[in-house]
Amino acid sequence: MSRKTRRLSSPLVLALAAGAIAAPGASASGDLRSPDARDAARAATPVRSDLRSPDARDSAPAPERSSPTVDLRSPDARDSSVARSLREEVVHVVKPGGFDWGDAGIGAGGILAILGLGLGVGAAHRRRPVAGPGVPALRG
């Protein structure tokens, strides 16, 4: 290491070491919320959640409800539990018979494109005779 590099890296290493030592002490309290958020959480009443299935809730005797229950199901699950009439759509699938000329045309066009590309590359890289000292020039 050069002297300049050592001079720049020493304070950097010292700062990283101090940060590594101080970081666990900063979160020692465990509650990283702002004071306002902590006060609001203390003031809020706890909400009782009933995590039983709907069938288990129906079969059990009704407890006295001191606080409202929270439905923790997804919106789709809540919607599917609501009885509603659904309109059924009938889909008729018609099997095409015979040869599909559209697919054949697409395949033929792809083959022609690849063939044209190959011929173009071959024509571009073809060796042409070069007129040298002992070779007469071609006249075309």
Protein backbone atom coordinates (compact mmCIF):
# COMPACT_ATOMS: atom_id res chain seq x y z
CA MET A 1 0.00 0.00 0.00
CA SER A 2 1.23 3.45 -0.72
CA ARG A 3 1.38 6.08 1.96
CA LYS A 4 -1.50 8.05 0.38
CA THR A 5 -3.75 4.97 0.26
CA ARG A 6 -2.91 4.10 3.87
CA ARG A 7 -3.66 7.67 4.95
CA LEU A 8 -7.13 7.55 3.31
CA SER A 9 -8.04 4.03 4.42
CA SER A 10 -7.18 4.41 8.14
CA PRO A 11 -10.00 6.88 8.95
CA LEU A 12 -12.39 4.84 6.82
CA VAL A 13 -11.64 1.64 8.72
CA LEU A 14 -11.94 3.50 12.03
CA ALA A 15 -15.35 4.93 11.04
CA LEU A 16 -16.64 1.51 9.94
CA ALA A 17 -15.48 -0.08 13.19
CA ALA A 18 -17.16 2.65 15.27
CA GLY A 19 -20.39 2.20 13.30
CA ALA A 20 -20.31 -1.57 13.80
CA ILE A 21 -19.89 -1.14 17.53
CA ALA A 22 -22.54 1.60 17.89
CA ALA A 23 -25.22 -0.02 15.69
CA PRO A 24 -26.35 -2.76 18.13
CA GLY A 25 -26.57 -0.20 20.95
CA ALA A 26 -28.84 2.06 18.92
CA SER A 27 -31.48 -0.62 18.49
CA ALA A 28 -31.23 -1.98 22.04
CA SER A 29 -34.58 -0.44 22.99
CA GLY A 30 -36.31 -2.78 20.51
CA ASP A 31 -39.10 -0.34 19.64
CA LEU A 32 -37.95 1.63 16.60
CA ARG A 33 -41.21 3.55 16.14
CA SER A 34 -41.45 7.28 16.58
CA PRO A 35 -42.77 8.57 19.93
CA ASP A 36 -46.06 9.58 18.31
CA ALA A 37 -46.53 6.09 16.88
CA ARG A 38 -45.79 4.52 20.29
CA ASP A 39 -48.37 6.78 21.98
CA ALA A 40 -50.98 5.97 19.35
CA ALA A 41 -50.35 2.25 19.77
CA ARG A 42 -50.79 2.50 23.55
CA ALA A 43 -54.05 4.41 23.14
CA ALA A 44 -55.54 1.96 20.62
CA THR A 45 -57.65 -0.84 22.02
CA PRO A 46 -56.61 -4.33 20.97
CA VAL A 47 -58.87 -5.91 18.37
CA ARG A 48 -59.91 -9.51 18.98
CA SER A 49 -59.50 -11.71 15.90
CA ASP A 50 -61.52 -14.86 15.48
CA LEU A 51 -59.35 -17.15 13.34
CA ARG A 52 -61.76 -20.09 13.30
CA SER A 53 -63.35 -21.25 10.08
CA PRO A 54 -66.92 -20.07 9.38
CA ASP A 55 -68.29 -23.56 10.10
CA ALA A 56 -66.51 -23.71 13.47
CA ARG A 57 -67.83 -20.26 14.37
CA ASP A 58 -71.39 -21.29 13.50
CA SER A 59 -71.28 -24.51 15.53
CA ALA A 60 -69.75 -22.95 18.66
CA PRO A 61 -71.88 -21.16 21.23
CA ALA A 62 -71.90 -17.43 20.66
CA PRO A 63 -69.43 -15.74 23.01
CA GLU A 64 -70.09 -12.31 24.34
CA ARG A 65 -68.53 -9.98 21.89
CA SER A 66 -66.77 -7.16 23.62
CA SER A 67 -64.81 -6.09 20.56
CA PRO A 68 -65.48 -6.42 16.84
CA THR A 69 -63.87 -9.32 15.00
CA VAL A 70 -61.61 -8.75 12.05
CA ASP A 71 -62.09 -10.82 8.93
CA LEU A 72 -58.54 -11.81 7.96
CA ARG A 73 -59.51 -13.53 4.75
CA SER A 74 -58.47 -12.14 1.40
CA PRO A 75 -61.00 -10.04 -0.52
CA ASP A 76 -61.48 -12.89 -2.99
CA ALA A 77 -62.25 -15.35 -0.20
CA ARG A 78 -64.73 -12.91 1.34
CA ASP A 79 -66.45 -12.44 -2.01
CA SER A 80 -66.68 -16.17 -2.68
CA SER A 81 -68.38 -16.78 0.67
CA VAL A 82 -71.22 -14.42 -0.19
CA ALA A 83 -74.06 -16.31 -1.85
CA ARG A 84 -74.80 -14.83 -5.22
CA SER A 85 -76.11 -16.11 -8.48
CA LEU A 86 -73.56 -16.51 -11.22
CA ARG A 87 -74.37 -16.38 -14.87
CA GLU A 88 -72.99 -19.47 -16.52
CA GLU A 89 -71.49 -19.13 -19.95
CA VAL A 90 -71.50 -22.10 -22.28
CA VAL A 91 -68.43 -22.31 -24.46
CA HIS A 92 -68.70 -24.26 -27.69
CA VAL A 93 -65.37 -25.51 -28.99
CA VAL A 94 -65.34 -26.20 -32.70
CA LYS A 95 -62.57 -28.50 -33.86
CA PRO A 96 -61.21 -27.34 -37.19
CA GLY A 97 -60.92 -30.09 -39.73
CA GLY A 98 -58.41 -30.46 -42.52
CA PHE A 99 -55.25 -28.61 -43.37
CA ASP A 100 -54.59 -25.12 -41.99
CA TRP A 101 -53.30 -23.07 -44.90
CA GLY A 102 -52.54 -20.06 -42.72
CA ASP A 103 -50.01 -22.01 -40.66
CA ALA A 104 -48.51 -23.47 -43.83
CA GLY A 105 -48.07 -19.97 -45.29
CA ILE A 106 -46.33 -18.75 -42.15
CA GLY A 107 -43.97 -21.73 -42.23
CA ALA A 108 -43.20 -21.27 -45.93
CA GLY A 109 -42.52 -17.57 -45.40
CA GLY A 110 -40.10 -18.39 -42.58
CA ILE A 111 -38.26 -20.91 -44.73
CA LEU A 112 -37.95 -18.41 -47.59
CA ALA A 113 -36.65 -15.72 -45.21
CA ILE A 114 -33.98 -18.05 -43.80
CA LEU A 115 -33.02 -19.21 -47.30
CA GLY A 116 -32.73 -15.63 -48.54
CA LEU A 117 -30.64 -14.66 -45.55
CA GLY A 118 -28.32 -17.61 -46.11
CA LEU A 119 -27.90 -16.81 -49.82
CA GLY A 120 -27.20 -13.16 -49.02
CA VAL A 121 -24.55 -14.04 -46.46
CA GLY A 122 -23.01 -16.56 -48.86
CA ALA A 123 -22.86 -14.01 -51.68
CA ALA A 124 -21.32 -11.39 -49.40
CA HIS A 125 -18.55 -13.70 -48.20
CA ARG A 126 -17.75 -15.29 -51.55
CA ARG A 127 -14.10 -15.14 -52.52
CA ARG A 128 -13.51 -13.00 -55.55
CA PRO A 129 -10.41 -13.41 -57.67
CA VAL A 130 -7.92 -10.63 -57.08
CA ALA A 131 -5.83 -9.33 -59.92
CA GLY A 132 -2.23 -9.95 -59.02
CA PRO A 133 1.07 -9.69 -60.84
CA GLY A 134 0.63 -12.94 -62.74
CA VAL A 135 -3.19 -13.07 -62.92
CA PRO A 136 -5.04 -11.11 -65.58
CA ALA A 137 -7.95 -9.01 -64.37
CA LEU A 138 -11.41 -10.32 -65.16
CA ARG A 139 -13.60 -8.18 -67.30
CA GLY A 140 -17.22 -8.49 -66.67
